Each structure stands twice: as C-alpha cells, then as structure tokens.
PDBML (XML) file of the C-alpha atoms, coordinates in Angstrom:
<?xml version="1.0" encoding="UTF-8" ?>
<PDBx:datablock datablockName="MODEL"
   xmlns:PDBx="http://pdbml.pdb.org/schema/pdbx-v50.xsd"
   xmlns:xsi="http://www.w3.org/2001/XMLSchema-instance"
   xsi:schemaLocation="http://pdbml.pdb.org/schema/pdbx-v50.xsd pdbx-v50.xsd">
   <PDBx:atom_siteCategory>
      <PDBx:atom_site id="1">
         <PDBx:B_iso_or_equiv>0.00</PDBx:B_iso_or_equiv>
         <PDBx:Cartn_x>-26.828</PDBx:Cartn_x>
         <PDBx:Cartn_y>-21.340</PDBx:Cartn_y>
         <PDBx:Cartn_z>12.723</PDBx:Cartn_z>
         <PDBx:auth_asym_id>A</PDBx:auth_asym_id>
         <PDBx:auth_atom_id>CA</PDBx:auth_atom_id>
         <PDBx:auth_comp_id>ALA</PDBx:auth_comp_id>
         <PDBx:auth_seq_id>1</PDBx:auth_seq_id>
         <PDBx:group_PDB>ATOM</PDBx:group_PDB>
         <PDBx:label_alt_id xsi:nil="true" />
         <PDBx:label_asym_id>A</PDBx:label_asym_id>
         <PDBx:label_atom_id>CA</PDBx:label_atom_id>
         <PDBx:label_comp_id>ALA</PDBx:label_comp_id>
         <PDBx:label_entity_id>1</PDBx:label_entity_id>
         <PDBx:label_seq_id>1</PDBx:label_seq_id>
         <PDBx:occupancy>1.00</PDBx:occupancy>
         <PDBx:pdbx_PDB_model_num>1</PDBx:pdbx_PDB_model_num>
         <PDBx:type_symbol>C</PDBx:type_symbol>
      </PDBx:atom_site>
      <PDBx:atom_site id="2">
         <PDBx:B_iso_or_equiv>0.00</PDBx:B_iso_or_equiv>
         <PDBx:Cartn_x>-28.341</PDBx:Cartn_x>
         <PDBx:Cartn_y>-24.257</PDBx:Cartn_y>
         <PDBx:Cartn_z>15.119</PDBx:Cartn_z>
         <PDBx:auth_asym_id>A</PDBx:auth_asym_id>
         <PDBx:auth_atom_id>CA</PDBx:auth_atom_id>
         <PDBx:auth_comp_id>ALA</PDBx:auth_comp_id>
         <PDBx:auth_seq_id>2</PDBx:auth_seq_id>
         <PDBx:group_PDB>ATOM</PDBx:group_PDB>
         <PDBx:label_alt_id xsi:nil="true" />
         <PDBx:label_asym_id>A</PDBx:label_asym_id>
         <PDBx:label_atom_id>CA</PDBx:label_atom_id>
         <PDBx:label_comp_id>ALA</PDBx:label_comp_id>
         <PDBx:label_entity_id>1</PDBx:label_entity_id>
         <PDBx:label_seq_id>2</PDBx:label_seq_id>
         <PDBx:occupancy>1.00</PDBx:occupancy>
         <PDBx:pdbx_PDB_model_num>1</PDBx:pdbx_PDB_model_num>
         <PDBx:type_symbol>C</PDBx:type_symbol>
      </PDBx:atom_site>
      <PDBx:atom_site id="3">
         <PDBx:B_iso_or_equiv>0.00</PDBx:B_iso_or_equiv>
         <PDBx:Cartn_x>-25.212</PDBx:Cartn_x>
         <PDBx:Cartn_y>-24.025</PDBx:Cartn_y>
         <PDBx:Cartn_z>17.670</PDBx:Cartn_z>
         <PDBx:auth_asym_id>A</PDBx:auth_asym_id>
         <PDBx:auth_atom_id>CA</PDBx:auth_atom_id>
         <PDBx:auth_comp_id>ALA</PDBx:auth_comp_id>
         <PDBx:auth_seq_id>3</PDBx:auth_seq_id>
         <PDBx:group_PDB>ATOM</PDBx:group_PDB>
         <PDBx:label_alt_id xsi:nil="true" />
         <PDBx:label_asym_id>A</PDBx:label_asym_id>
         <PDBx:label_atom_id>CA</PDBx:label_atom_id>
         <PDBx:label_comp_id>ALA</PDBx:label_comp_id>
         <PDBx:label_entity_id>1</PDBx:label_entity_id>
         <PDBx:label_seq_id>3</PDBx:label_seq_id>
         <PDBx:occupancy>1.00</PDBx:occupancy>
         <PDBx:pdbx_PDB_model_num>1</PDBx:pdbx_PDB_model_num>
         <PDBx:type_symbol>C</PDBx:type_symbol>
      </PDBx:atom_site>
      <PDBx:atom_site id="4">
         <PDBx:B_iso_or_equiv>0.00</PDBx:B_iso_or_equiv>
         <PDBx:Cartn_x>-25.808</PDBx:Cartn_x>
         <PDBx:Cartn_y>-21.813</PDBx:Cartn_y>
         <PDBx:Cartn_z>20.138</PDBx:Cartn_z>
         <PDBx:auth_asym_id>A</PDBx:auth_asym_id>
         <PDBx:auth_atom_id>CA</PDBx:auth_atom_id>
         <PDBx:auth_comp_id>LYS</PDBx:auth_comp_id>
         <PDBx:auth_seq_id>4</PDBx:auth_seq_id>
         <PDBx:group_PDB>ATOM</PDBx:group_PDB>
         <PDBx:label_alt_id xsi:nil="true" />
         <PDBx:label_asym_id>A</PDBx:label_asym_id>
         <PDBx:label_atom_id>CA</PDBx:label_atom_id>
         <PDBx:label_comp_id>LYS</PDBx:label_comp_id>
         <PDBx:label_entity_id>1</PDBx:label_entity_id>
         <PDBx:label_seq_id>4</PDBx:label_seq_id>
         <PDBx:occupancy>1.00</PDBx:occupancy>
         <PDBx:pdbx_PDB_model_num>1</PDBx:pdbx_PDB_model_num>
         <PDBx:type_symbol>C</PDBx:type_symbol>
      </PDBx:atom_site>
      <PDBx:atom_site id="5">
         <PDBx:B_iso_or_equiv>0.00</PDBx:B_iso_or_equiv>
         <PDBx:Cartn_x>-24.578</PDBx:Cartn_x>
         <PDBx:Cartn_y>-22.767</PDBx:Cartn_y>
         <PDBx:Cartn_z>23.319</PDBx:Cartn_z>
         <PDBx:auth_asym_id>A</PDBx:auth_asym_id>
         <PDBx:auth_atom_id>CA</PDBx:auth_atom_id>
         <PDBx:auth_comp_id>ALA</PDBx:auth_comp_id>
         <PDBx:auth_seq_id>5</PDBx:auth_seq_id>
         <PDBx:group_PDB>ATOM</PDBx:group_PDB>
         <PDBx:label_alt_id xsi:nil="true" />
         <PDBx:label_asym_id>A</PDBx:label_asym_id>
         <PDBx:label_atom_id>CA</PDBx:label_atom_id>
         <PDBx:label_comp_id>ALA</PDBx:label_comp_id>
         <PDBx:label_entity_id>1</PDBx:label_entity_id>
         <PDBx:label_seq_id>5</PDBx:label_seq_id>
         <PDBx:occupancy>1.00</PDBx:occupancy>
         <PDBx:pdbx_PDB_model_num>1</PDBx:pdbx_PDB_model_num>
         <PDBx:type_symbol>C</PDBx:type_symbol>
      </PDBx:atom_site>
      <PDBx:atom_site id="6">
         <PDBx:B_iso_or_equiv>0.00</PDBx:B_iso_or_equiv>
         <PDBx:Cartn_x>-22.276</PDBx:Cartn_x>
         <PDBx:Cartn_y>-25.848</PDBx:Cartn_y>
         <PDBx:Cartn_z>22.957</PDBx:Cartn_z>
         <PDBx:auth_asym_id>A</PDBx:auth_asym_id>
         <PDBx:auth_atom_id>CA</PDBx:auth_atom_id>
         <PDBx:auth_comp_id>ASN</PDBx:auth_comp_id>
         <PDBx:auth_seq_id>6</PDBx:auth_seq_id>
         <PDBx:group_PDB>ATOM</PDBx:group_PDB>
         <PDBx:label_alt_id xsi:nil="true" />
         <PDBx:label_asym_id>A</PDBx:label_asym_id>
         <PDBx:label_atom_id>CA</PDBx:label_atom_id>
         <PDBx:label_comp_id>ASN</PDBx:label_comp_id>
         <PDBx:label_entity_id>1</PDBx:label_entity_id>
         <PDBx:label_seq_id>6</PDBx:label_seq_id>
         <PDBx:occupancy>1.00</PDBx:occupancy>
         <PDBx:pdbx_PDB_model_num>1</PDBx:pdbx_PDB_model_num>
         <PDBx:type_symbol>C</PDBx:type_symbol>
      </PDBx:atom_site>
      <PDBx:atom_site id="7">
         <PDBx:B_iso_or_equiv>0.00</PDBx:B_iso_or_equiv>
         <PDBx:Cartn_x>-21.330</PDBx:Cartn_x>
         <PDBx:Cartn_y>-27.260</PDBx:Cartn_y>
         <PDBx:Cartn_z>19.738</PDBx:Cartn_z>
         <PDBx:auth_asym_id>A</PDBx:auth_asym_id>
         <PDBx:auth_atom_id>CA</PDBx:auth_atom_id>
         <PDBx:auth_comp_id>PRO</PDBx:auth_comp_id>
         <PDBx:auth_seq_id>7</PDBx:auth_seq_id>
         <PDBx:group_PDB>ATOM</PDBx:group_PDB>
         <PDBx:label_alt_id xsi:nil="true" />
         <PDBx:label_asym_id>A</PDBx:label_asym_id>
         <PDBx:label_atom_id>CA</PDBx:label_atom_id>
         <PDBx:label_comp_id>PRO</PDBx:label_comp_id>
         <PDBx:label_entity_id>1</PDBx:label_entity_id>
         <PDBx:label_seq_id>7</PDBx:label_seq_id>
         <PDBx:occupancy>1.00</PDBx:occupancy>
         <PDBx:pdbx_PDB_model_num>1</PDBx:pdbx_PDB_model_num>
         <PDBx:type_symbol>C</PDBx:type_symbol>
      </PDBx:atom_site>
      <PDBx:atom_site id="8">
         <PDBx:B_iso_or_equiv>0.00</PDBx:B_iso_or_equiv>
         <PDBx:Cartn_x>-22.775</PDBx:Cartn_x>
         <PDBx:Cartn_y>-30.069</PDBx:Cartn_y>
         <PDBx:Cartn_z>18.428</PDBx:Cartn_z>
         <PDBx:auth_asym_id>A</PDBx:auth_asym_id>
         <PDBx:auth_atom_id>CA</PDBx:auth_atom_id>
         <PDBx:auth_comp_id>PRO</PDBx:auth_comp_id>
         <PDBx:auth_seq_id>8</PDBx:auth_seq_id>
         <PDBx:group_PDB>ATOM</PDBx:group_PDB>
         <PDBx:label_alt_id xsi:nil="true" />
         <PDBx:label_asym_id>A</PDBx:label_asym_id>
         <PDBx:label_atom_id>CA</PDBx:label_atom_id>
         <PDBx:label_comp_id>PRO</PDBx:label_comp_id>
         <PDBx:label_entity_id>1</PDBx:label_entity_id>
         <PDBx:label_seq_id>8</PDBx:label_seq_id>
         <PDBx:occupancy>1.00</PDBx:occupancy>
         <PDBx:pdbx_PDB_model_num>1</PDBx:pdbx_PDB_model_num>
         <PDBx:type_symbol>C</PDBx:type_symbol>
      </PDBx:atom_site>
      <PDBx:atom_site id="9">
         <PDBx:B_iso_or_equiv>0.00</PDBx:B_iso_or_equiv>
         <PDBx:Cartn_x>-21.788</PDBx:Cartn_x>
         <PDBx:Cartn_y>-33.164</PDBx:Cartn_y>
         <PDBx:Cartn_z>18.400</PDBx:Cartn_z>
         <PDBx:auth_asym_id>A</PDBx:auth_asym_id>
         <PDBx:auth_atom_id>CA</PDBx:auth_atom_id>
         <PDBx:auth_comp_id>LEU</PDBx:auth_comp_id>
         <PDBx:auth_seq_id>9</PDBx:auth_seq_id>
         <PDBx:group_PDB>ATOM</PDBx:group_PDB>
         <PDBx:label_alt_id xsi:nil="true" />
         <PDBx:label_asym_id>A</PDBx:label_asym_id>
         <PDBx:label_atom_id>CA</PDBx:label_atom_id>
         <PDBx:label_comp_id>LEU</PDBx:label_comp_id>
         <PDBx:label_entity_id>1</PDBx:label_entity_id>
         <PDBx:label_seq_id>9</PDBx:label_seq_id>
         <PDBx:occupancy>1.00</PDBx:occupancy>
         <PDBx:pdbx_PDB_model_num>1</PDBx:pdbx_PDB_model_num>
         <PDBx:type_symbol>C</PDBx:type_symbol>
      </PDBx:atom_site>
      <PDBx:atom_site id="10">
         <PDBx:B_iso_or_equiv>0.00</PDBx:B_iso_or_equiv>
         <PDBx:Cartn_x>-21.954</PDBx:Cartn_x>
         <PDBx:Cartn_y>-35.312</PDBx:Cartn_y>
         <PDBx:Cartn_z>14.870</PDBx:Cartn_z>
         <PDBx:auth_asym_id>A</PDBx:auth_asym_id>
         <PDBx:auth_atom_id>CA</PDBx:auth_atom_id>
         <PDBx:auth_comp_id>VAL</PDBx:auth_comp_id>
         <PDBx:auth_seq_id>10</PDBx:auth_seq_id>
         <PDBx:group_PDB>ATOM</PDBx:group_PDB>
         <PDBx:label_alt_id xsi:nil="true" />
         <PDBx:label_asym_id>A</PDBx:label_asym_id>
         <PDBx:label_atom_id>CA</PDBx:label_atom_id>
         <PDBx:label_comp_id>VAL</PDBx:label_comp_id>
         <PDBx:label_entity_id>1</PDBx:label_entity_id>
         <PDBx:label_seq_id>10</PDBx:label_seq_id>
         <PDBx:occupancy>1.00</PDBx:occupancy>
         <PDBx:pdbx_PDB_model_num>1</PDBx:pdbx_PDB_model_num>
         <PDBx:type_symbol>C</PDBx:type_symbol>
      </PDBx:atom_site>
      <PDBx:atom_site id="11">
         <PDBx:B_iso_or_equiv>0.00</PDBx:B_iso_or_equiv>
         <PDBx:Cartn_x>-21.447</PDBx:Cartn_x>
         <PDBx:Cartn_y>-39.165</PDBx:Cartn_y>
         <PDBx:Cartn_z>14.255</PDBx:Cartn_z>
         <PDBx:auth_asym_id>A</PDBx:auth_asym_id>
         <PDBx:auth_atom_id>CA</PDBx:auth_atom_id>
         <PDBx:auth_comp_id>SER</PDBx:auth_comp_id>
         <PDBx:auth_seq_id>11</PDBx:auth_seq_id>
         <PDBx:group_PDB>ATOM</PDBx:group_PDB>
         <PDBx:label_alt_id xsi:nil="true" />
         <PDBx:label_asym_id>A</PDBx:label_asym_id>
         <PDBx:label_atom_id>CA</PDBx:label_atom_id>
         <PDBx:label_comp_id>SER</PDBx:label_comp_id>
         <PDBx:label_entity_id>1</PDBx:label_entity_id>
         <PDBx:label_seq_id>11</PDBx:label_seq_id>
         <PDBx:occupancy>1.00</PDBx:occupancy>
         <PDBx:pdbx_PDB_model_num>1</PDBx:pdbx_PDB_model_num>
         <PDBx:type_symbol>C</PDBx:type_symbol>
      </PDBx:atom_site>
      <PDBx:atom_site id="12">
         <PDBx:B_iso_or_equiv>0.00</PDBx:B_iso_or_equiv>
         <PDBx:Cartn_x>-21.738</PDBx:Cartn_x>
         <PDBx:Cartn_y>-41.160</PDBx:Cartn_y>
         <PDBx:Cartn_z>11.419</PDBx:Cartn_z>
         <PDBx:auth_asym_id>A</PDBx:auth_asym_id>
         <PDBx:auth_atom_id>CA</PDBx:auth_atom_id>
         <PDBx:auth_comp_id>GLY</PDBx:auth_comp_id>
         <PDBx:auth_seq_id>12</PDBx:auth_seq_id>
         <PDBx:group_PDB>ATOM</PDBx:group_PDB>
         <PDBx:label_alt_id xsi:nil="true" />
         <PDBx:label_asym_id>A</PDBx:label_asym_id>
         <PDBx:label_atom_id>CA</PDBx:label_atom_id>
         <PDBx:label_comp_id>GLY</PDBx:label_comp_id>
         <PDBx:label_entity_id>1</PDBx:label_entity_id>
         <PDBx:label_seq_id>12</PDBx:label_seq_id>
         <PDBx:occupancy>1.00</PDBx:occupancy>
         <PDBx:pdbx_PDB_model_num>1</PDBx:pdbx_PDB_model_num>
         <PDBx:type_symbol>C</PDBx:type_symbol>
      </PDBx:atom_site>
      <PDBx:atom_site id="13">
         <PDBx:B_iso_or_equiv>0.00</PDBx:B_iso_or_equiv>
         <PDBx:Cartn_x>-21.651</PDBx:Cartn_x>
         <PDBx:Cartn_y>-45.171</PDBx:Cartn_y>
         <PDBx:Cartn_z>10.874</PDBx:Cartn_z>
         <PDBx:auth_asym_id>A</PDBx:auth_asym_id>
         <PDBx:auth_atom_id>CA</PDBx:auth_atom_id>
         <PDBx:auth_comp_id>GLY</PDBx:auth_comp_id>
         <PDBx:auth_seq_id>13</PDBx:auth_seq_id>
         <PDBx:group_PDB>ATOM</PDBx:group_PDB>
         <PDBx:label_alt_id xsi:nil="true" />
         <PDBx:label_asym_id>A</PDBx:label_asym_id>
         <PDBx:label_atom_id>CA</PDBx:label_atom_id>
         <PDBx:label_comp_id>GLY</PDBx:label_comp_id>
         <PDBx:label_entity_id>1</PDBx:label_entity_id>
         <PDBx:label_seq_id>13</PDBx:label_seq_id>
         <PDBx:occupancy>1.00</PDBx:occupancy>
         <PDBx:pdbx_PDB_model_num>1</PDBx:pdbx_PDB_model_num>
         <PDBx:type_symbol>C</PDBx:type_symbol>
      </PDBx:atom_site>
      <PDBx:atom_site id="14">
         <PDBx:B_iso_or_equiv>0.00</PDBx:B_iso_or_equiv>
         <PDBx:Cartn_x>-25.205</PDBx:Cartn_x>
         <PDBx:Cartn_y>-46.132</PDBx:Cartn_y>
         <PDBx:Cartn_z>12.583</PDBx:Cartn_z>
         <PDBx:auth_asym_id>A</PDBx:auth_asym_id>
         <PDBx:auth_atom_id>CA</PDBx:auth_atom_id>
         <PDBx:auth_comp_id>TYR</PDBx:auth_comp_id>
         <PDBx:auth_seq_id>14</PDBx:auth_seq_id>
         <PDBx:group_PDB>ATOM</PDBx:group_PDB>
         <PDBx:label_alt_id xsi:nil="true" />
         <PDBx:label_asym_id>A</PDBx:label_asym_id>
         <PDBx:label_atom_id>CA</PDBx:label_atom_id>
         <PDBx:label_comp_id>TYR</PDBx:label_comp_id>
         <PDBx:label_entity_id>1</PDBx:label_entity_id>
         <PDBx:label_seq_id>14</PDBx:label_seq_id>
         <PDBx:occupancy>1.00</PDBx:occupancy>
         <PDBx:pdbx_PDB_model_num>1</PDBx:pdbx_PDB_model_num>
         <PDBx:type_symbol>C</PDBx:type_symbol>
      </PDBx:atom_site>
      <PDBx:atom_site id="15">
         <PDBx:B_iso_or_equiv>0.00</PDBx:B_iso_or_equiv>
         <PDBx:Cartn_x>-27.802</PDBx:Cartn_x>
         <PDBx:Cartn_y>-48.022</PDBx:Cartn_y>
         <PDBx:Cartn_z>11.624</PDBx:Cartn_z>
         <PDBx:auth_asym_id>A</PDBx:auth_asym_id>
         <PDBx:auth_atom_id>CA</PDBx:auth_atom_id>
         <PDBx:auth_comp_id>SER</PDBx:auth_comp_id>
         <PDBx:auth_seq_id>15</PDBx:auth_seq_id>
         <PDBx:group_PDB>ATOM</PDBx:group_PDB>
         <PDBx:label_alt_id xsi:nil="true" />
         <PDBx:label_asym_id>A</PDBx:label_asym_id>
         <PDBx:label_atom_id>CA</PDBx:label_atom_id>
         <PDBx:label_comp_id>SER</PDBx:label_comp_id>
         <PDBx:label_entity_id>1</PDBx:label_entity_id>
         <PDBx:label_seq_id>15</PDBx:label_seq_id>
         <PDBx:occupancy>1.00</PDBx:occupancy>
         <PDBx:pdbx_PDB_model_num>1</PDBx:pdbx_PDB_model_num>
         <PDBx:type_symbol>C</PDBx:type_symbol>
      </PDBx:atom_site>
      <PDBx:atom_site id="16">
         <PDBx:B_iso_or_equiv>0.00</PDBx:B_iso_or_equiv>
         <PDBx:Cartn_x>-31.697</PDBx:Cartn_x>
         <PDBx:Cartn_y>-48.645</PDBx:Cartn_y>
         <PDBx:Cartn_z>13.001</PDBx:Cartn_z>
         <PDBx:auth_asym_id>A</PDBx:auth_asym_id>
         <PDBx:auth_atom_id>CA</PDBx:auth_atom_id>
         <PDBx:auth_comp_id>LYS</PDBx:auth_comp_id>
         <PDBx:auth_seq_id>16</PDBx:auth_seq_id>
         <PDBx:group_PDB>ATOM</PDBx:group_PDB>
         <PDBx:label_alt_id xsi:nil="true" />
         <PDBx:label_asym_id>A</PDBx:label_asym_id>
         <PDBx:label_atom_id>CA</PDBx:label_atom_id>
         <PDBx:label_comp_id>LYS</PDBx:label_comp_id>
         <PDBx:label_entity_id>1</PDBx:label_entity_id>
         <PDBx:label_seq_id>16</PDBx:label_seq_id>
         <PDBx:occupancy>1.00</PDBx:occupancy>
         <PDBx:pdbx_PDB_model_num>1</PDBx:pdbx_PDB_model_num>
         <PDBx:type_symbol>C</PDBx:type_symbol>
      </PDBx:atom_site>
      <PDBx:atom_site id="17">
         <PDBx:B_iso_or_equiv>0.00</PDBx:B_iso_or_equiv>
         <PDBx:Cartn_x>-33.711</PDBx:Cartn_x>
         <PDBx:Cartn_y>-51.140</PDBx:Cartn_y>
         <PDBx:Cartn_z>13.595</PDBx:Cartn_z>
         <PDBx:auth_asym_id>A</PDBx:auth_asym_id>
         <PDBx:auth_atom_id>CA</PDBx:auth_atom_id>
         <PDBx:auth_comp_id>ILE</PDBx:auth_comp_id>
         <PDBx:auth_seq_id>17</PDBx:auth_seq_id>
         <PDBx:group_PDB>ATOM</PDBx:group_PDB>
         <PDBx:label_alt_id xsi:nil="true" />
         <PDBx:label_asym_id>A</PDBx:label_asym_id>
         <PDBx:label_atom_id>CA</PDBx:label_atom_id>
         <PDBx:label_comp_id>ILE</PDBx:label_comp_id>
         <PDBx:label_entity_id>1</PDBx:label_entity_id>
         <PDBx:label_seq_id>17</PDBx:label_seq_id>
         <PDBx:occupancy>1.00</PDBx:occupancy>
         <PDBx:pdbx_PDB_model_num>1</PDBx:pdbx_PDB_model_num>
         <PDBx:type_symbol>C</PDBx:type_symbol>
      </PDBx:atom_site>
      <PDBx:atom_site id="18">
         <PDBx:B_iso_or_equiv>0.00</PDBx:B_iso_or_equiv>
         <PDBx:Cartn_x>-37.132</PDBx:Cartn_x>
         <PDBx:Cartn_y>-50.934</PDBx:Cartn_y>
         <PDBx:Cartn_z>13.668</PDBx:Cartn_z>
         <PDBx:auth_asym_id>A</PDBx:auth_asym_id>
         <PDBx:auth_atom_id>CA</PDBx:auth_atom_id>
         <PDBx:auth_comp_id>ASN</PDBx:auth_comp_id>
         <PDBx:auth_seq_id>18</PDBx:auth_seq_id>
         <PDBx:group_PDB>ATOM</PDBx:group_PDB>
         <PDBx:label_alt_id xsi:nil="true" />
         <PDBx:label_asym_id>A</PDBx:label_asym_id>
         <PDBx:label_atom_id>CA</PDBx:label_atom_id>
         <PDBx:label_comp_id>ASN</PDBx:label_comp_id>
         <PDBx:label_entity_id>1</PDBx:label_entity_id>
         <PDBx:label_seq_id>18</PDBx:label_seq_id>
         <PDBx:occupancy>1.00</PDBx:occupancy>
         <PDBx:pdbx_PDB_model_num>1</PDBx:pdbx_PDB_model_num>
         <PDBx:type_symbol>C</PDBx:type_symbol>
      </PDBx:atom_site>
      <PDBx:atom_site id="19">
         <PDBx:B_iso_or_equiv>0.00</PDBx:B_iso_or_equiv>
         <PDBx:Cartn_x>-39.411</PDBx:Cartn_x>
         <PDBx:Cartn_y>-53.466</PDBx:Cartn_y>
         <PDBx:Cartn_z>15.362</PDBx:Cartn_z>
         <PDBx:auth_asym_id>A</PDBx:auth_asym_id>
         <PDBx:auth_atom_id>CA</PDBx:auth_atom_id>
         <PDBx:auth_comp_id>LEU</PDBx:auth_comp_id>
         <PDBx:auth_seq_id>19</PDBx:auth_seq_id>
         <PDBx:group_PDB>ATOM</PDBx:group_PDB>
         <PDBx:label_alt_id xsi:nil="true" />
         <PDBx:label_asym_id>A</PDBx:label_asym_id>
         <PDBx:label_atom_id>CA</PDBx:label_atom_id>
         <PDBx:label_comp_id>LEU</PDBx:label_comp_id>
         <PDBx:label_entity_id>1</PDBx:label_entity_id>
         <PDBx:label_seq_id>19</PDBx:label_seq_id>
         <PDBx:occupancy>1.00</PDBx:occupancy>
         <PDBx:pdbx_PDB_model_num>1</PDBx:pdbx_PDB_model_num>
         <PDBx:type_symbol>C</PDBx:type_symbol>
      </PDBx:atom_site>
      <PDBx:atom_site id="20">
         <PDBx:B_iso_or_equiv>0.00</PDBx:B_iso_or_equiv>
         <PDBx:Cartn_x>-42.970</PDBx:Cartn_x>
         <PDBx:Cartn_y>-53.106</PDBx:Cartn_y>
         <PDBx:Cartn_z>14.469</PDBx:Cartn_z>
         <PDBx:auth_asym_id>A</PDBx:auth_asym_id>
         <PDBx:auth_atom_id>CA</PDBx:auth_atom_id>
         <PDBx:auth_comp_id>PHE</PDBx:auth_comp_id>
         <PDBx:auth_seq_id>20</PDBx:auth_seq_id>
         <PDBx:group_PDB>ATOM</PDBx:group_PDB>
         <PDBx:label_alt_id xsi:nil="true" />
         <PDBx:label_asym_id>A</PDBx:label_asym_id>
         <PDBx:label_atom_id>CA</PDBx:label_atom_id>
         <PDBx:label_comp_id>PHE</PDBx:label_comp_id>
         <PDBx:label_entity_id>1</PDBx:label_entity_id>
         <PDBx:label_seq_id>20</PDBx:label_seq_id>
         <PDBx:occupancy>1.00</PDBx:occupancy>
         <PDBx:pdbx_PDB_model_num>1</PDBx:pdbx_PDB_model_num>
         <PDBx:type_symbol>C</PDBx:type_symbol>
      </PDBx:atom_site>
      <PDBx:atom_site id="21">
         <PDBx:B_iso_or_equiv>0.00</PDBx:B_iso_or_equiv>
         <PDBx:Cartn_x>-46.882</PDBx:Cartn_x>
         <PDBx:Cartn_y>-54.877</PDBx:Cartn_y>
         <PDBx:Cartn_z>15.719</PDBx:Cartn_z>
         <PDBx:auth_asym_id>A</PDBx:auth_asym_id>
         <PDBx:auth_atom_id>CA</PDBx:auth_atom_id>
         <PDBx:auth_comp_id>GLY</PDBx:auth_comp_id>
         <PDBx:auth_seq_id>21</PDBx:auth_seq_id>
         <PDBx:group_PDB>ATOM</PDBx:group_PDB>
         <PDBx:label_alt_id xsi:nil="true" />
         <PDBx:label_asym_id>A</PDBx:label_asym_id>
         <PDBx:label_atom_id>CA</PDBx:label_atom_id>
         <PDBx:label_comp_id>GLY</PDBx:label_comp_id>
         <PDBx:label_entity_id>1</PDBx:label_entity_id>
         <PDBx:label_seq_id>21</PDBx:label_seq_id>
         <PDBx:occupancy>1.00</PDBx:occupancy>
         <PDBx:pdbx_PDB_model_num>1</PDBx:pdbx_PDB_model_num>
         <PDBx:type_symbol>C</PDBx:type_symbol>
      </PDBx:atom_site>
      <PDBx:atom_site id="22">
         <PDBx:B_iso_or_equiv>0.00</PDBx:B_iso_or_equiv>
         <PDBx:Cartn_x>-50.162</PDBx:Cartn_x>
         <PDBx:Cartn_y>-53.776</PDBx:Cartn_y>
         <PDBx:Cartn_z>15.621</PDBx:Cartn_z>
         <PDBx:auth_asym_id>A</PDBx:auth_asym_id>
         <PDBx:auth_atom_id>CA</PDBx:auth_atom_id>
         <PDBx:auth_comp_id>GLU</PDBx:auth_comp_id>
         <PDBx:auth_seq_id>22</PDBx:auth_seq_id>
         <PDBx:group_PDB>ATOM</PDBx:group_PDB>
         <PDBx:label_alt_id xsi:nil="true" />
         <PDBx:label_asym_id>A</PDBx:label_asym_id>
         <PDBx:label_atom_id>CA</PDBx:label_atom_id>
         <PDBx:label_comp_id>GLU</PDBx:label_comp_id>
         <PDBx:label_entity_id>1</PDBx:label_entity_id>
         <PDBx:label_seq_id>22</PDBx:label_seq_id>
         <PDBx:occupancy>1.00</PDBx:occupancy>
         <PDBx:pdbx_PDB_model_num>1</PDBx:pdbx_PDB_model_num>
         <PDBx:type_symbol>C</PDBx:type_symbol>
      </PDBx:atom_site>
      <PDBx:atom_site id="23">
         <PDBx:B_iso_or_equiv>0.00</PDBx:B_iso_or_equiv>
         <PDBx:Cartn_x>-50.441</PDBx:Cartn_x>
         <PDBx:Cartn_y>-55.930</PDBx:Cartn_y>
         <PDBx:Cartn_z>18.952</PDBx:Cartn_z>
         <PDBx:auth_asym_id>A</PDBx:auth_asym_id>
         <PDBx:auth_atom_id>CA</PDBx:auth_atom_id>
         <PDBx:auth_comp_id>GLU</PDBx:auth_comp_id>
         <PDBx:auth_seq_id>23</PDBx:auth_seq_id>
         <PDBx:group_PDB>ATOM</PDBx:group_PDB>
         <PDBx:label_alt_id xsi:nil="true" />
         <PDBx:label_asym_id>A</PDBx:label_asym_id>
         <PDBx:label_atom_id>CA</PDBx:label_atom_id>
         <PDBx:label_comp_id>GLU</PDBx:label_comp_id>
         <PDBx:label_entity_id>1</PDBx:label_entity_id>
         <PDBx:label_seq_id>23</PDBx:label_seq_id>
         <PDBx:occupancy>1.00</PDBx:occupancy>
         <PDBx:pdbx_PDB_model_num>1</PDBx:pdbx_PDB_model_num>
         <PDBx:type_symbol>C</PDBx:type_symbol>
      </PDBx:atom_site>
      <PDBx:atom_site id="24">
         <PDBx:B_iso_or_equiv>0.00</PDBx:B_iso_or_equiv>
         <PDBx:Cartn_x>-47.368</PDBx:Cartn_x>
         <PDBx:Cartn_y>-54.304</PDBx:Cartn_y>
         <PDBx:Cartn_z>20.536</PDBx:Cartn_z>
         <PDBx:auth_asym_id>A</PDBx:auth_asym_id>
         <PDBx:auth_atom_id>CA</PDBx:auth_atom_id>
         <PDBx:auth_comp_id>MET</PDBx:auth_comp_id>
         <PDBx:auth_seq_id>24</PDBx:auth_seq_id>
         <PDBx:group_PDB>ATOM</PDBx:group_PDB>
         <PDBx:label_alt_id xsi:nil="true" />
         <PDBx:label_asym_id>A</PDBx:label_asym_id>
         <PDBx:label_atom_id>CA</PDBx:label_atom_id>
         <PDBx:label_comp_id>MET</PDBx:label_comp_id>
         <PDBx:label_entity_id>1</PDBx:label_entity_id>
         <PDBx:label_seq_id>24</PDBx:label_seq_id>
         <PDBx:occupancy>1.00</PDBx:occupancy>
         <PDBx:pdbx_PDB_model_num>1</PDBx:pdbx_PDB_model_num>
         <PDBx:type_symbol>C</PDBx:type_symbol>
      </PDBx:atom_site>
   </PDBx:atom_siteCategory>
</PDBx:datablock>
C-alpha cells in the first residue's frame, strides 16, 4: 500500500546510537 513508483529497500541488522546533552 505504501510502495508507489519504486519498490522500497528493506534491510536489518542495525543499531542506533544516540548522543544526548542539554548543552548540545
């Protein structure tokens, strides 16, 4: 339902690293 003109690319095996700081 979401794919229209081009098929999407789907991949796994990732991690998200988040850097947080109020002074940023």
